[in-house]
């Protein structure tokens, strides 16, 4: 990218990022996970362009660029800590995310993940056998690649039933589903399931509160086979909604929420 082209790109991103500040004023009271905003890294031509808040004005400014460690295709929407930026957790996006309001909503979804990382995610990870074993095998992508038994007939049948329980708000039956599945699955598979329900489910739960505030349709999936890890986003979101209705303290204590989900109580 030539210097002038790069300067125009950076200026365009800063203009687009102003919308985050505007939206944050409307959304920050929804949940403690939205109390502040986080760095945004825009990927262009396999280069990370990092934008973070100016300490004085609290507006986004360009901080640095850094070569991506791998090829990053268009449409990326993720969050992870940046080793080259003091391990700060950042939303990682491509520039088309700024094309519409829904794209900004997904950025706030990623900010929830930044909040999880900043508060208790690292501590919870230390308790996971799946994390330990994956590190031993240098598999740092286990959240995406773990071979969960989605095609198992018992899992399919029980999860389709669960969809009905979630839609009708049958709290005790949802708890019972998790107790049964916990006894049925291998420990490492159950850990994976609850991790996804907690991590992605909570982010989707907050995302849908944001959507309601902005009068945008909810992000939901039907629990029908064939399943993949996205089913846990849907289960977790609705499961967390039921749990936080029963115990409002869980909404503001993510560590407690995780272990409540893991222990199915």
Protein backbone atom coordinates (compact mmCIF):
# COMPACT_ATOMS: atom_id res chain seq x y z
CA UNK A 1 0.00 0.00 0.00
CA UNK A 2 1.48 3.37 -1.05
CA UNK A 3 1.91 6.07 1.60
CA UNK A 4 -0.90 8.31 0.32
CA UNK A 5 -3.24 5.36 -0.05
CA UNK A 6 -2.39 4.22 3.47
CA UNK A 7 -3.09 7.67 4.91
CA UNK A 8 -6.50 7.77 3.19
CA UNK A 9 -7.27 4.28 4.50
CA UNK A 10 -6.36 5.26 8.07
CA UNK A 11 -8.40 8.47 7.84
CA UNK A 12 -11.42 6.55 6.54
CA UNK A 13 -11.19 4.07 9.40
CA UNK A 14 -11.02 6.83 12.00
CA UNK A 15 -14.13 8.40 10.48
CA UNK A 16 -15.93 5.04 10.62
CA UNK A 17 -14.83 4.40 14.20
CA UNK A 18 -16.51 7.59 15.44
CA UNK A 19 -19.81 5.74 15.12
CA UNK A 20 -18.65 3.35 17.88
CA UNK A 21 -18.31 6.26 20.30
CA UNK A 22 -21.76 7.52 19.34
CA UNK A 23 -23.37 4.10 19.79
CA UNK A 24 -21.55 3.46 23.04
CA UNK A 25 -23.36 6.38 24.65
CA UNK A 26 -26.65 4.62 23.82
CA UNK A 27 -25.52 1.16 24.90
CA UNK A 28 -23.09 1.46 27.82
CA UNK A 29 -25.77 1.05 30.50
CA UNK A 30 -26.99 -2.31 29.16
CA UNK A 31 -24.36 -4.39 30.94
CA UNK A 32 -21.02 -4.04 32.71
CA UNK A 33 -19.41 -5.79 29.72
CA UNK A 34 -20.26 -2.69 27.66
CA UNK A 35 -19.10 -0.13 30.20
CA UNK A 36 -16.07 0.70 28.09
CA UNK A 37 -14.89 0.24 24.52
CA UNK A 38 -11.76 -1.54 23.34
CA UNK A 39 -9.16 -1.34 20.59
CA UNK A 40 -10.30 -2.11 17.06
CA UNK A 41 -7.86 -3.68 14.63
CA UNK A 42 -8.74 -3.38 10.96
CA UNK A 43 -7.08 -5.95 8.69
CA UNK A 44 -6.09 -4.84 5.20
CA UNK A 45 -3.80 -6.76 2.83
CA UNK A 46 -2.64 -8.98 5.72
CA UNK A 47 -1.61 -6.01 7.82
CA UNK A 48 -3.10 -5.21 11.25
CA UNK A 49 -3.95 -1.52 11.63
CA UNK A 50 -4.57 -0.91 15.34
CA UNK A 51 -6.83 1.90 16.53
CA UNK A 52 -7.27 2.70 20.19
CA UNK A 53 -8.69 5.49 22.29
CA UNK A 54 -6.91 8.74 22.76
CA UNK A 55 -6.56 9.19 26.52
CA UNK A 56 -7.59 12.84 26.38
CA UNK A 57 -10.54 12.90 24.00
CA UNK A 58 -11.59 9.23 24.15
CA UNK A 59 -11.81 9.16 20.37
CA UNK A 60 -10.15 6.48 18.30
CA UNK A 61 -6.75 7.25 16.84
CA UNK A 62 -4.30 5.22 14.80
CA UNK A 63 -1.67 3.53 16.98
CA UNK A 64 0.42 1.23 14.81
CA UNK A 65 0.48 -1.28 12.00
CA UNK A 66 1.84 -4.80 12.23
CA UNK A 67 2.10 -7.65 9.71
CA UNK A 68 -0.51 -10.36 10.26
CA UNK A 69 1.04 -13.69 11.30
CA UNK A 70 -1.15 -15.50 8.77
CA UNK A 71 -3.30 -14.76 5.73
CA UNK A 72 -6.50 -13.06 6.83
CA UNK A 73 -9.38 -13.12 4.38
CA UNK A 74 -12.09 -10.51 4.06
CA UNK A 75 -15.02 -10.67 6.42
CA UNK A 76 -13.01 -11.45 9.54
CA UNK A 77 -14.86 -10.79 12.79
CA UNK A 78 -12.98 -11.91 15.88
CA UNK A 79 -11.27 -10.79 19.06
CA UNK A 80 -8.02 -11.79 20.68
CA UNK A 81 -5.13 -10.24 22.61
CA UNK A 82 -2.44 -8.62 20.50
CA UNK A 83 1.00 -9.83 21.52
CA UNK A 84 2.61 -6.86 19.78
CA UNK A 85 0.32 -4.39 21.60
CA UNK A 86 0.88 -5.17 25.26
CA UNK A 87 -1.49 -8.15 25.07
CA UNK A 88 -4.46 -5.83 24.87
CA UNK A 89 -7.58 -7.60 23.67
CA UNK A 90 -8.95 -6.12 20.47
CA UNK A 91 -11.83 -6.55 18.07
CA UNK A 92 -10.35 -7.77 14.78
CA UNK A 93 -12.36 -6.78 11.70
CA UNK A 94 -12.15 -6.01 8.01
CA UNK A 95 -13.30 -2.62 6.81
CA UNK A 96 -16.63 -3.74 5.36
CA UNK A 97 -17.92 -4.21 8.91
CA UNK A 98 -18.53 -0.46 8.93
CA UNK A 99 -20.94 -0.62 5.98
CA UNK A 100 -24.11 -0.95 8.10
CA UNK A 101 -25.45 -0.75 11.64
CA UNK A 102 -25.45 -4.52 12.09
CA UNK A 103 -21.71 -4.56 11.48
CA UNK A 104 -21.25 -2.19 14.41
CA UNK A 105 -23.42 -4.46 16.56
CA UNK A 106 -21.03 -7.31 15.81
CA UNK A 107 -18.15 -5.10 16.97
CA UNK A 108 -19.89 -4.71 20.33
CA UNK A 109 -20.27 -8.51 20.40
CA UNK A 110 -16.49 -8.71 20.07
CA UNK A 111 -16.07 -6.11 22.80
CA UNK A 112 -17.91 -8.49 25.13
CA UNK A 113 -15.19 -11.06 24.39
CA UNK A 114 -12.58 -8.41 25.19
CA UNK A 115 -14.30 -7.90 28.54
CA UNK A 116 -14.32 -11.63 29.20
CA UNK A 117 -10.59 -11.80 28.49
CA UNK A 118 -9.91 -8.79 30.68
CA UNK A 119 -11.88 -10.08 33.67
CA UNK A 120 -11.91 -13.85 34.16
CA UNK A 121 -11.35 -15.81 30.94
CA UNK A 122 -7.70 -16.56 31.60
CA UNK A 123 -8.47 -17.82 35.10
CA UNK A 124 -11.25 -20.11 33.88
CA UNK A 125 -9.04 -21.48 31.10
CA UNK A 126 -6.57 -22.71 33.73
CA UNK A 127 -9.27 -25.04 35.10
CA UNK A 128 -9.92 -26.70 31.73
CA UNK A 129 -8.48 -30.06 30.80
CA UNK A 130 -9.18 -29.30 27.15
CA UNK A 131 -7.02 -26.17 27.39
CA UNK A 132 -4.15 -28.05 29.03
CA UNK A 133 -4.19 -30.94 26.56
CA UNK A 134 -4.51 -28.64 23.59
CA UNK A 135 -1.49 -26.62 24.70
CA UNK A 136 0.51 -29.82 25.09
CA UNK A 137 -0.35 -30.65 21.49
CA UNK A 138 0.30 -27.08 20.28
CA UNK A 139 -3.33 -26.84 19.22
CA UNK A 140 -4.14 -23.21 19.92
CA UNK A 141 -7.25 -23.31 17.72
CA UNK A 142 -9.18 -25.86 19.77
CA UNK A 143 -12.13 -23.52 20.20
CA UNK A 144 -12.73 -23.90 16.47
CA UNK A 145 -11.28 -27.32 15.67
CA UNK A 146 -12.30 -29.55 18.62
CA UNK A 147 -14.05 -32.69 17.22
CA UNK A 148 -17.21 -32.53 19.30
CA UNK A 149 -19.62 -35.46 18.60
CA UNK A 150 -22.27 -33.35 16.88
CA UNK A 151 -23.48 -36.33 14.81
CA UNK A 152 -24.21 -38.55 17.82
CA UNK A 153 -27.90 -39.47 17.71
CA UNK A 154 -28.44 -39.02 21.45
CA UNK A 155 -26.93 -35.54 21.37
CA UNK A 156 -29.05 -34.64 18.35
CA UNK A 157 -32.32 -35.89 19.83
CA UNK A 158 -31.80 -34.29 23.23
CA UNK A 159 -30.67 -31.00 21.72
CA UNK A 160 -33.67 -30.76 19.42
CA UNK A 161 -35.86 -31.30 22.50
CA UNK A 162 -33.87 -28.65 24.32
CA UNK A 163 -34.86 -26.13 21.66
CA UNK A 164 -38.47 -26.52 22.73
CA UNK A 165 -37.58 -26.09 26.41
CA UNK A 166 -35.58 -22.94 25.70
CA UNK A 167 -38.31 -21.41 23.56
CA UNK A 168 -40.91 -22.00 26.27
CA UNK A 169 -38.60 -20.92 29.11
CA UNK A 170 -38.73 -24.24 30.97
CA UNK A 171 -35.85 -23.53 33.33
CA UNK A 172 -35.79 -26.87 35.17
CA UNK A 173 -35.90 -28.89 31.96
CA UNK A 174 -32.99 -26.86 30.57
CA UNK A 175 -31.02 -27.60 33.75
CA UNK A 176 -31.91 -31.26 33.48
CA UNK A 177 -30.71 -31.36 29.87
CA UNK A 178 -27.30 -30.15 30.98
CA UNK A 179 -27.14 -32.65 33.84
CA UNK A 180 -27.98 -35.51 31.48
CA UNK A 181 -25.54 -34.37 28.82
CA UNK A 182 -22.80 -33.94 31.43
CA UNK A 183 -23.19 -37.57 32.41
CA UNK A 184 -23.32 -38.71 28.81
CA UNK A 185 -20.40 -36.84 27.25
CA UNK A 186 -16.69 -37.31 27.79
CA UNK A 187 -15.34 -34.70 30.21
CA UNK A 188 -13.36 -32.92 27.54
CA UNK A 189 -16.42 -32.69 25.26
CA UNK A 190 -18.58 -31.37 28.09
CA UNK A 191 -15.92 -28.78 28.91
CA UNK A 192 -15.93 -27.69 25.28
CA UNK A 193 -19.70 -27.45 25.19
CA UNK A 194 -19.99 -25.33 28.36
CA UNK A 195 -17.04 -23.17 27.33
CA UNK A 196 -18.74 -22.30 24.06
CA UNK A 197 -22.11 -21.78 25.77
CA UNK A 198 -20.48 -19.43 28.28
CA UNK A 199 -18.10 -17.55 26.01
CA UNK A 200 -20.10 -17.22 22.80
CA UNK A 201 -23.48 -17.58 24.46
CA UNK A 202 -22.89 -14.63 26.77
CA UNK A 203 -21.62 -12.47 23.92
CA UNK A 204 -24.71 -13.32 21.87
CA UNK A 205 -26.97 -12.69 24.87
CA UNK A 206 -25.54 -9.17 25.24
CA UNK A 207 -25.54 -8.71 21.45
CA UNK A 208 -29.28 -9.37 21.39
CA UNK A 209 -29.84 -6.83 24.18
CA UNK A 210 -27.95 -4.34 21.99
CA UNK A 211 -30.10 -5.30 19.01
CA UNK A 212 -33.25 -4.75 21.06
CA UNK A 213 -32.02 -1.29 22.10
CA UNK A 214 -31.29 -0.40 18.46
CA UNK A 215 -34.51 -2.02 17.16
CA UNK A 216 -32.69 -4.63 15.06
CA UNK A 217 -33.84 -8.24 14.67
CA UNK A 218 -32.32 -10.69 17.15
CA UNK A 219 -29.48 -13.00 16.13
CA UNK A 220 -30.97 -16.48 16.63
CA UNK A 221 -30.58 -19.99 15.23
CA UNK A 222 -32.99 -22.87 15.11
CA UNK A 223 -31.76 -25.92 17.03
CA UNK A 224 -32.02 -28.42 14.22
CA UNK A 225 -29.54 -30.96 12.87
CA UNK A 226 -26.95 -30.91 11.41
CA UNK A 227 -25.29 -29.19 14.35
CA UNK A 228 -21.97 -27.38 14.64
CA UNK A 229 -20.46 -25.18 17.32
CA UNK A 230 -22.91 -22.36 16.52
CA UNK A 231 -25.63 -24.38 18.25
CA UNK A 232 -23.82 -23.66 21.52
CA UNK A 233 -24.04 -19.91 20.86
CA UNK A 234 -27.82 -20.22 20.67
CA UNK A 235 -28.13 -22.60 23.62
CA UNK A 236 -25.80 -20.51 25.74
CA UNK A 237 -27.57 -17.24 25.00
CA UNK A 238 -30.97 -18.55 26.05
CA UNK A 239 -29.59 -20.62 28.93
CA UNK A 240 -27.84 -17.52 30.31
CA UNK A 241 -31.03 -15.51 29.92
CA UNK A 242 -32.86 -18.07 32.10
CA UNK A 243 -30.03 -18.24 34.64
CA UNK A 244 -29.73 -14.48 35.02
CA UNK A 245 -33.48 -14.12 35.40
CA UNK A 246 -33.33 -16.62 38.27
CA UNK A 247 -30.20 -15.03 39.82
CA UNK A 248 -29.50 -11.48 38.70
CA UNK A 249 -26.05 -11.46 40.34
CA UNK A 250 -24.81 -13.85 37.63
CA UNK A 251 -25.06 -11.18 34.96
CA UNK A 252 -22.30 -9.17 36.61
CA UNK A 253 -20.11 -12.05 37.77
CA UNK A 254 -18.98 -13.99 34.73
CA UNK A 255 -16.78 -16.39 36.69
CA UNK A 256 -19.70 -17.36 38.91
CA UNK A 257 -21.89 -17.68 35.83
CA UNK A 258 -19.43 -20.05 34.15
CA UNK A 259 -19.23 -22.42 37.11
CA UNK A 260 -23.01 -22.30 37.61
CA UNK A 261 -23.36 -23.43 34.00
CA UNK A 262 -20.65 -26.05 34.31
CA UNK A 263 -22.17 -27.58 37.43
CA UNK A 264 -25.76 -27.39 36.07
CA UNK A 265 -27.24 -26.00 39.28
